[in-house]
Amino acid sequence: MKINDVSRLQGLQSYKNSISKVQNQEIKKAQVDKVEFSQAAQEKISVDKEKRIQALKEQIQNGTYKVDSEKIADKLLSNWNKGIEE
């Protein structure tokens, strides 16, 4: 019995091609967009954050901080609904 080597090689080549396509697709799926802030932007964010925290601390100490009950209720309901959907 004679084995046709050409057909075996063609089958092997098509298998290799299909494997490489799958690997390329997996690599593309694994790539994720990424955002990086510059040092200047990070410093500005940090300064703004500290100012906001300081303002909130002062409001709490002075007794002028007002809690927005509607925002709290909306967040509670939103989180509750997320928990039900999962």
PDB file of N, CA and C in Angstrom:
ATOM      1  N   MET A   1       0.839  -1.163   0.000  1.00  0.00           N
ATOM      2  CA  MET A   1       0.000   0.000   0.000  1.00  0.00           C
ATOM      3  C   MET A   1       0.896   1.242   0.000  1.00  0.00           C
ATOM      4  N   LYS A   2       0.586   2.216  -0.841  1.00  0.00           N
ATOM      5  CA  LYS A   2       1.391   3.416  -0.983  1.00  0.00           C
ATOM      6  C   LYS A   2       0.650   4.588  -0.325  1.00  0.00           C
ATOM      7  N   ILE A   3       1.373   5.341   0.473  1.00  0.00           N
ATOM      8  CA  ILE A   3       0.794   6.500   1.144  1.00  0.00           C
ATOM      9  C   ILE A   3       1.151   7.735   0.321  1.00  0.00           C
ATOM     10  N   ASN A   4       0.147   8.520   0.053  1.00  0.00           N
ATOM     11  CA  ASN A   4       0.331   9.730  -0.720  1.00  0.00           C
ATOM     12  C   ASN A   4       0.827  10.831   0.218  1.00  0.00           C
ATOM     13  N   ASP A   5       2.127  11.097   0.203  1.00  0.00           N
ATOM     14  CA  ASP A   5       2.739  12.068   1.107  1.00  0.00           C
ATOM     15  C   ASP A   5       2.263  13.489   0.859  1.00  0.00           C
ATOM     16  N   VAL A   6       1.918  13.810  -0.375  1.00  0.00           N
ATOM     17  CA  VAL A   6       1.503  15.162  -0.717  1.00  0.00           C
ATOM     18  C   VAL A   6       0.213  15.512   0.011  1.00  0.00           C
ATOM     19  N   SER A   7      -0.736  14.611   0.029  1.00  0.00           N
ATOM     20  CA  SER A   7      -2.011  14.909   0.686  1.00  0.00           C
ATOM     21  C   SER A   7      -1.825  15.035   2.197  1.00  0.00           C
ATOM     22  N   ARG A   8      -0.916  14.265   2.775  1.00  0.00           N
ATOM     23  CA  ARG A   8      -0.654  14.367   4.211  1.00  0.00           C
ATOM     24  C   ARG A   8      -0.050  15.727   4.538  1.00  0.00           C
ATOM     25  N   LEU A   9       0.874  16.186   3.671  1.00  0.00           N
ATOM     26  CA  LEU A   9       1.488  17.487   3.900  1.00  0.00           C
ATOM     27  C   LEU A   9       0.484  18.624   3.758  1.00  0.00           C
ATOM     28  N   GLN A  10      -0.422  18.484   2.792  1.00  0.00           N
ATOM     29  CA  GLN A  10      -1.436  19.512   2.601  1.00  0.00           C
ATOM     30  C   GLN A  10      -2.372  19.557   3.822  1.00  0.00           C
ATOM     31  N   GLY A  11      -2.714  18.388   4.346  1.00  0.00           N
ATOM     32  CA  GLY A  11      -3.560  18.341   5.537  1.00  0.00           C
ATOM     33  C   GLY A  11      -2.864  18.955   6.740  1.00  0.00           C
ATOM     34  N   LEU A  12      -1.587  18.659   6.881  1.00  0.00           N
ATOM     35  CA  LEU A  12      -0.809  19.213   7.979  1.00  0.00           C
ATOM     36  C   LEU A  12      -0.704  20.728   7.849  1.00  0.00           C
ATOM     37  N   GLN A  13      -0.469  21.206   6.632  1.00  0.00           N
ATOM     38  CA  GLN A  13      -0.347  22.644   6.409  1.00  0.00           C
ATOM     39  C   GLN A  13      -1.666  23.350   6.705  1.00  0.00           C
ATOM     40  N   SER A  14      -2.777  22.776   6.289  1.00  0.00           N
ATOM     41  CA  SER A  14      -4.071  23.412   6.555  1.00  0.00           C
ATOM     42  C   SER A  14      -4.361  23.420   8.050  1.00  0.00           C
ATOM     43  N   TYR A  15      -3.943  22.375   8.769  1.00  0.00           N
ATOM     44  CA  TYR A  15      -4.106  22.327  10.219  1.00  0.00           C
ATOM     45  C   TYR A  15      -3.278  23.435  10.880  1.00  0.00           C
ATOM     46  N   LYS A  16      -2.042  23.599  10.448  1.00  0.00           N
ATOM     47  CA  LYS A  16      -1.182  24.644  11.006  1.00  0.00           C
ATOM     48  C   LYS A  16      -1.773  26.026  10.749  1.00  0.00           C
ATOM     49  N   ASN A  17      -2.320  26.220   9.550  1.00  0.00           N
ATOM     50  CA  ASN A  17      -2.924  27.510   9.219  1.00  0.00           C
ATOM     51  C   ASN A  17      -4.120  27.802  10.114  1.00  0.00           C
ATOM     52  N   SER A  18      -4.945  26.797  10.360  1.00  0.00           N
ATOM     53  CA  SER A  18      -6.123  27.018  11.197  1.00  0.00           C
ATOM     54  C   SER A  18      -5.717  27.303  12.638  1.00  0.00           C
ATOM     55  N   ILE A  19      -4.680  26.628  13.119  1.00  0.00           N
ATOM     56  CA  ILE A  19      -4.193  26.871  14.476  1.00  0.00           C
ATOM     57  C   ILE A  19      -3.642  28.288  14.594  1.00  0.00           C
ATOM     58  N   SER A  20      -2.884  28.739  13.600  1.00  0.00           N
ATOM     59  CA  SER A  20      -2.311  30.087  13.681  1.00  0.00           C
ATOM     60  C   SER A  20      -3.404  31.151  13.617  1.00  0.00           C
ATOM     61  N   LYS A  21      -4.482  30.911  12.871  1.00  0.00           N
ATOM     62  CA  LYS A  21      -5.592  31.865  12.822  1.00  0.00           C
ATOM     63  C   LYS A  21      -6.255  31.975  14.190  1.00  0.00           C
ATOM     64  N   VAL A  22      -6.465  30.841  14.844  1.00  0.00           N
ATOM     65  CA  VAL A  22      -7.077  30.840  16.171  1.00  0.00           C
ATOM     66  C   VAL A  22      -6.185  31.570  17.164  1.00  0.00           C
ATOM     67  N   GLN A  23      -4.880  31.329  17.094  1.00  0.00           N
ATOM     68  CA  GLN A  23      -3.953  32.001  18.002  1.00  0.00           C
ATOM     69  C   GLN A  23      -3.942  33.506  17.768  1.00  0.00           C
ATOM     70  N   ASN A  24      -3.993  33.923  16.517  1.00  0.00           N
ATOM     71  CA  ASN A  24      -4.024  35.355  16.204  1.00  0.00           C
ATOM     72  C   ASN A  24      -5.301  36.003  16.740  1.00  0.00           C
ATOM     73  N   GLN A  25      -6.416  35.295  16.639  1.00  0.00           N
ATOM     74  CA  GLN A  25      -7.672  35.821  17.155  1.00  0.00           C
ATOM     75  C   GLN A  25      -7.615  35.947  18.673  1.00  0.00           C
ATOM     76  N   GLU A  26      -7.003  34.972  19.343  1.00  0.00           N
ATOM     77  CA  GLU A  26      -6.886  35.032  20.793  1.00  0.00           C
ATOM     78  C   GLU A  26      -6.004  36.197  21.221  1.00  0.00           C
ATOM     79  N   ILE A  27      -4.959  36.468  20.476  1.00  0.00           N
ATOM     80  CA  ILE A  27      -4.077  37.595  20.788  1.00  0.00           C
ATOM     81  C   ILE A  27      -4.843  38.901  20.629  1.00  0.00           C
ATOM     82  N   LYS A  28      -5.636  39.014  19.576  1.00  0.00           N
ATOM     83  CA  LYS A  28      -6.410  40.230  19.358  1.00  0.00           C
ATOM     84  C   LYS A  28      -7.426  40.431  20.469  1.00  0.00           C
ATOM     85  N   LYS A  29      -8.050  39.355  20.945  1.00  0.00           N
ATOM     86  CA  LYS A  29      -9.018  39.457  22.030  1.00  0.00           C
ATOM     87  C   LYS A  29      -8.339  39.883  23.322  1.00  0.00           C
ATOM     88  N   ALA A  30      -7.129  39.456  23.540  1.00  0.00           N
ATOM     89  CA  ALA A  30      -6.425  39.732  24.784  1.00  0.00           C
ATOM     90  C   ALA A  30      -5.966  41.190  24.867  1.00  0.00           C
ATOM     91  N   GLN A  31      -5.846  41.870  23.750  1.00  0.00           N
ATOM     92  CA  GLN A  31      -5.386  43.249  23.751  1.00  0.00           C
ATOM     93  C   GLN A  31      -6.493  44.148  24.299  1.00  0.00           C
ATOM     94  N   VAL A  32      -6.119  45.027  25.213  1.00  0.00           N
ATOM     95  CA  VAL A  32      -7.069  45.906  25.869  1.00  0.00           C
ATOM     96  C   VAL A  32      -6.576  47.340  25.745  1.00  0.00           C
ATOM     97  N   ASP A  33      -7.515  48.256  25.537  1.00  0.00           N
ATOM     98  CA  ASP A  33      -7.144  49.665  25.498  1.00  0.00           C
ATOM     99  C   ASP A  33      -6.678  50.095  26.879  1.00  0.00           C
ATOM    100  N   LYS A  34      -5.725  50.996  26.896  1.00  0.00           N
ATOM    101  CA  LYS A  34      -5.154  51.427  28.159  1.00  0.00           C
ATOM    102  C   LYS A  34      -4.947  52.938  28.115  1.00  0.00           C
ATOM    103  N   VAL A  35      -5.274  53.587  29.227  1.00  0.00           N
ATOM    104  CA  VAL A  35      -5.105  55.032  29.328  1.00  0.00           C
ATOM    105  C   VAL A  35      -4.077  55.305  30.409  1.00  0.00           C
ATOM    106  N   GLU A  36      -3.131  56.166  30.100  1.00  0.00           N
ATOM    107  CA  GLU A  36      -2.127  56.559  31.076  1.00  0.00           C
ATOM    108  C   GLU A  36      -2.119  58.080  31.168  1.00  0.00           C
ATOM    109  N   PHE A  37      -2.138  58.573  32.407  1.00  0.00           N
ATOM    110  CA  PHE A  37      -2.108  60.002  32.626  1.00  0.00           C
ATOM    111  C   PHE A  37      -0.667  60.468  32.775  1.00  0.00           C
ATOM    112  N   SER A  38      -0.403  61.643  32.279  1.00  0.00           N
ATOM    113  CA  SER A  38       0.940  62.217  32.434  1.00  0.00           C
ATOM    114  C   SER A  38       1.162  62.572  33.900  1.00  0.00           C
ATOM    115  N   GLN A  39       2.408  62.817  34.248  1.00  0.00           N
ATOM    116  CA  GLN A  39       2.743  63.180  35.632  1.00  0.00           C
ATOM    117  C   GLN A  39       2.024  64.466  36.025  1.00  0.00           C
ATOM    118  N   ALA A  40       1.970  65.432  35.113  1.00  0.00           N
ATOM    119  CA  ALA A  40       1.300  66.707  35.398  1.00  0.00           C
ATOM    120  C   ALA A  40      -0.192  66.499  35.653  1.00  0.00           C
ATOM    121  N   ALA A  41      -0.812  65.649  34.858  1.00  0.00           N
ATOM    122  CA  ALA A  41      -2.239  65.365  35.035  1.00  0.00           C
ATOM    123  C   ALA A  41      -2.479  64.662  36.369  1.00  0.00           C
ATOM    124  N   GLN A  42      -1.619  63.719  36.727  1.00  0.00           N
ATOM    125  CA  GLN A  42      -1.764  63.016  38.000  1.00  0.00           C
ATOM    126  C   GLN A  42      -1.647  63.981  39.175  1.00  0.00           C
ATOM    127  N   GLU A  43      -0.716  64.929  39.071  1.00  0.00           N
ATOM    128  CA  GLU A  43      -0.542  65.917  40.136  1.00  0.00           C
ATOM    129  C   GLU A  43      -1.768  66.813  40.248  1.00  0.00           C
ATOM    130  N   LYS A  44      -2.318  67.235  39.115  1.00  0.00           N
ATOM    131  CA  LYS A  44      -3.514  68.083  39.128  1.00  0.00           C
ATOM    132  C   LYS A  44      -4.687  67.338  39.735  1.00  0.00           C
ATOM    133  N   ILE A  45      -4.860  66.088  39.372  1.00  0.00           N
ATOM    134  CA  ILE A  45      -5.941  65.275  39.939  1.00  0.00           C
ATOM    135  C   ILE A  45      -5.770  65.157  41.446  1.00  0.00           C
ATOM    136  N   SER A  46      -4.548  64.933  41.871  1.00  0.00           N
ATOM    137  CA  SER A  46      -4.255  64.791  43.300  1.00  0.00           C
ATOM    138  C   SER A  46      -4.565  66.086  44.055  1.00  0.00           C
ATOM    139  N   VAL A  47      -4.165  67.224  43.498  1.00  0.00           N
ATOM    140  CA  VAL A  47      -4.417  68.518  44.138  1.00  0.00           C
ATOM    141  C   VAL A  47      -5.918  68.784  44.215  1.00  0.00           C
ATOM    142  N   ASP A  48      -6.638  68.546  43.120  1.00  0.00           N
ATOM    143  CA  ASP A  48      -8.084  68.761  43.102  1.00  0.00           C
ATOM    144  C   ASP A  48      -8.782  67.854  44.117  1.00  0.00           C
ATOM    145  N   LYS A  49      -8.313  66.626  44.215  1.00  0.00           N
ATOM    146  CA  LYS A  49      -8.900  65.669  45.152  1.00  0.00           C
ATOM    147  C   LYS A  49      -8.693  66.133  46.589  1.00  0.00           C
ATOM    148  N   GLU A  50      -7.494  66.591  46.886  1.00  0.00           N
ATOM    149  CA  GLU A  50      -7.185  67.078  48.242  1.00  0.00           C
ATOM    150  C   GLU A  50      -8.033  68.308  48.585  1.00  0.00           C
ATOM    151  N   LYS A  51      -8.229  69.207  47.614  1.00  0.00           N
ATOM    152  CA  LYS A  51      -9.061  70.391  47.848  1.00  0.00           C
ATOM    153  C   LYS A  51     -10.493  69.983  48.173  1.00  0.00           C
ATOM    154  N   ARG A  52     -11.010  69.023  47.419  1.00  0.00           N
ATOM    155  CA  ARG A  52     -12.386  68.550  47.635  1.00  0.00           C
ATOM    156  C   ARG A  52     -12.521  67.888  49.005  1.00  0.00           C
ATOM    157  N   ILE A  53     -11.552  67.078  49.377  1.00  0.00           N
ATOM    158  CA  ILE A  53     -11.572  66.415  50.680  1.00  0.00           C
ATOM    159  C   ILE A  53     -11.528  67.452  51.800  1.00  0.00           C
ATOM    160  N   GLN A  54     -10.661  68.444  51.655  1.00  0.00           N
ATOM    161  CA  GLN A  54     -10.545  69.490  52.666  1.00  0.00           C
ATOM    162  C   GLN A  54     -11.855  70.259  52.796  1.00  0.00           C
ATOM    163  N   ALA A  55     -12.484  70.579  51.675  1.00  0.00           N
ATOM    164  CA  ALA A  55     -13.762  71.302  51.701  1.00  0.00           C
ATOM    165  C   ALA A  55     -14.831  70.468  52.410  1.00  0.00           C
ATOM    166  N   LEU A  56     -14.872  69.169  52.145  1.00  0.00           N
ATOM    167  CA  LEU A  56     -15.843  68.312  52.806  1.00  0.00           C
ATOM    168  C   LEU A  56     -15.589  68.225  54.309  1.00  0.00           C
ATOM    169  N   LYS A  57     -14.323  68.129  54.698  1.00  0.00           N
ATOM    170  CA  LYS A  57     -13.975  68.095  56.127  1.00  0.00           C
ATOM    171  C   LYS A  57     -14.438  69.367  56.825  1.00  0.00           C
ATOM    172  N   GLU A  58     -14.226  70.510  56.184  1.00  0.00           N
ATOM    173  CA  GLU A  58     -14.639  71.786  56.773  1.00  0.00           C
ATOM    174  C   GLU A  58     -16.158  71.854  56.904  1.00  0.00           C
ATOM    175  N   GLN A  59     -16.871  71.384  55.885  1.00  0.00           N
ATOM    176  CA  GLN A  59     -18.334  71.394  55.945  1.00  0.00           C
ATOM    177  C   GLN A  59     -18.838  70.508  57.084  1.00  0.00           C
ATOM    178  N   ILE A  60     -18.204  69.359  57.255  1.00  0.00           N
ATOM    179  CA  ILE A  60     -18.610  68.454  58.328  1.00  0.00           C
ATOM    180  C   ILE A  60     -18.333  69.089  59.690  1.00  0.00           C
ATOM    181  N   GLN A  61     -17.158  69.699  59.856  1.00  0.00           N
ATOM    182  CA  GLN A  61     -16.813  70.341  61.133  1.00  0.00           C
ATOM    183  C   GLN A  61     -17.735  71.517  61.453  1.00  0.00           C
ATOM    184  N   ASN A  62     -18.111  72.268  60.431  1.00  0.00           N
ATOM    185  CA  ASN A  62     -18.987  73.427  60.627  1.00  0.00           C
ATOM    186  C   ASN A  62     -20.448  73.035  60.775  1.00  0.00           C
ATOM    187  N   GLY A  63     -20.769  71.804  60.416  1.00  0.00           N
ATOM    188  CA  GLY A  63     -22.163  71.373  60.480  1.00  0.00           C
ATOM    189  C   GLY A  63     -22.977  71.824  59.286  1.00  0.00           C
ATOM    190  N   THR A  64     -22.302  72.224  58.204  1.00  0.00           N
ATOM    191  CA  THR A  64     -23.011  72.702  57.014  1.00  0.00           C
ATOM    192  C   THR A  64     -23.117  71.642  55.925  1.00  0.00           C
ATOM    193  N   TYR A  65     -22.559  70.462  56.180  1.00  0.00           N
ATOM    194  CA  TYR A  65     -22.610  69.386  55.172  1.00  0.00           C
ATOM    195  C   TYR A  65     -24.021  68.826  55.123  1.00  0.00           C
ATOM    196  N   LYS A  66     -24.604  68.780  53.955  1.00  0.00           N
ATOM    197  CA  LYS A  66     -25.964  68.270  53.775  1.00  0.00           C
ATOM    198  C   LYS A  66     -25.919  66.972  52.983  1.00  0.00           C
ATOM    199  N   VAL A  67     -26.582  65.973  53.512  1.00  0.00           N
ATOM    200  CA  VAL A  67     -26.657  64.677  52.856  1.00  0.00           C
ATOM    201  C   VAL A  67     -27.809  64.710  51.869  1.00  0.00           C
ATOM    202  N   ASP A  68     -27.556  64.305  50.626  1.00  0.00           N
ATOM    203  CA  ASP A  68     -28.601  64.258  49.605  1.00  0.00           C
ATOM    204  C   ASP A  68     -29.246  62.877  49.656  1.00  0.00           C
ATOM    205  N   SER A  69     -30.396  62.791  50.308  1.00  0.00           N
ATOM    206  CA  SER A  69     -31.049  61.494  50.515  1.00  0.00           C
ATOM    207  C   SER A  69     -31.521  60.867  49.197  1.00  0.00           C
ATOM    208  N   GLU A  70     -31.850  61.694  48.215  1.00  0.00           N
ATOM    209  CA  GLU A  70     -32.274  61.143  46.924  1.00  0.00           C
ATOM    210  C   GLU A  70     -31.124  60.415  46.232  1.00  0.00           C
ATOM    211  N   LYS A  71     -29.921  60.985  46.294  1.00  0.00           N
ATOM    212  CA  LYS A  71     -28.752  60.323  45.691  1.00  0.00           C
ATOM    213  C   LYS A  71     -28.467  59.004  46.388  1.00  0.00           C
ATOM    214  N   ILE A  72     -28.571  59.004  47.717  1.00  0.00           N
ATOM    215  CA  ILE A  72     -28.338  57.769  48.469  1.00  0.00           C
ATOM    216  C   ILE A  72     -29.358  56.717  48.077  1.00  0.00           C
ATOM    217  N   ALA A  73     -30.627  57.110  48.004  1.00  0.00           N
ATOM    218  CA  ALA A  73     -31.688  56.167  47.635  1.00  0.00           C
ATOM    219  C   ALA A  73     -31.474  55.630  46.226  1.00  0.00           C
ATOM    220  N   ASP A  74     -31.095  56.511  45.291  1.00  0.00           N
ATOM    221  CA  ASP A  74     -30.843  56.063  43.916  1.00  0.00           C
ATOM    222  C   ASP A  74     -29.714  55.044  43.862  1.00  0.00           C
ATOM    223  N   LYS A  75     -28.634  55.302  44.597  1.00  0.00           N
ATOM    224  CA  LYS A  75     -27.501  54.369  44.627  1.00  0.00           C
ATOM    225  C   LYS A  75     -27.907  53.033  45.236  1.00  0.00           C
ATOM    226  N   LEU A  76     -28.660  53.089  46.345  1.00  0.00           N
ATOM    227  CA  LEU A  76     -29.108  51.853  46.987  1.00  0.00           C
ATOM    228  C   LEU A  76     -29.967  51.016  46.039  1.00  0.00           C
ATOM    229  N   LEU A  77     -30.891  51.674  45.369  1.00  0.00           N
ATOM    230  CA  LEU A  77     -31.751  50.950  44.427  1.00  0.00           C
ATOM    231  C   LEU A  77     -30.961  50.402  43.245  1.00  0.00           C
ATOM    232  N   SER A  78     -30.026  51.193  42.749  1.00  0.00           N
ATOM    233  CA  SER A  78     -29.195  50.757  41.633  1.00  0.00           C
ATOM    234  C   SER A  78     -28.396  49.512  42.016  1.00  0.00           C
ATOM    235  N   ASN A  79     -27.759  49.556  43.190  1.00  0.00           N
ATOM    236  CA  ASN A  79     -26.984  48.396  43.649  1.00  0.00           C
ATOM    237  C   ASN A  79     -27.879  47.201  43.941  1.00  0.00           C
ATOM    238  N   TRP A  80     -29.038  47.460  44.461  1.00  0.00           N
ATOM    239  CA  TRP A  80     -29.984  46.374  44.740  1.00  0.00           C
ATOM    240  C   TRP A  80     -30.387  45.680  43.440  1.00  0.00           C
ATOM    241  N   ASN A  81     -30.691  46.474  42.410  1.00  0.00           N
ATOM    242  CA  ASN A  81     -31.086  45.913  41.120  1.00  0.00           C
ATOM    243  C   ASN A  81     -29.953  45.159  40.461  1.00  0.00           C
ATOM    244  N   LYS A  82     -28.718  45.652  40.603  1.00  0.00           N
ATOM    245  CA  LYS A  82     -27.567  44.938  40.051  1.00  0.00           C
ATOM    246  C   LYS A  82     -27.417  43.586  40.709  1.00  0.00           C
ATOM    247  N   GLY A  83     -27.633  43.517  42.013  1.00  0.00           N
ATOM    248  CA  GLY A  83     -27.526  42.265  42.745  1.00  0.00           C
ATOM    249  C   GLY A  83     -28.574  41.259  42.311  1.00  0.00           C
ATOM    250  N   ILE A  84     -29.765  41.739  41.985  1.00  0.00           N
ATOM    251  CA  ILE A  84     -30.842  40.857  41.535  1.00  0.00           C
ATOM    252  C   ILE A  84     -30.545  40.315  40.136  1.00  0.00           C
ATOM    253  N   GLU A  85     -30.002  41.158  39.248  1.00  0.00           N
ATOM    254  CA  GLU A  85     -29.715  40.759  37.870  1.00  0.00           C
ATOM    255  C   GLU A  85     -28.604  39.726  37.799  1.00  0.00           C
ATOM    256  N   GLU A  86     -27.665  39.785  38.714  1.00  0.00           N
ATOM    257  CA  GLU A  86     -26.529  38.861  38.674  1.00  0.00           C
ATOM    258  C   GLU A  86     -26.979  37.546  39.159  1.00  0.00           C
TER     259      GLU A  86
END
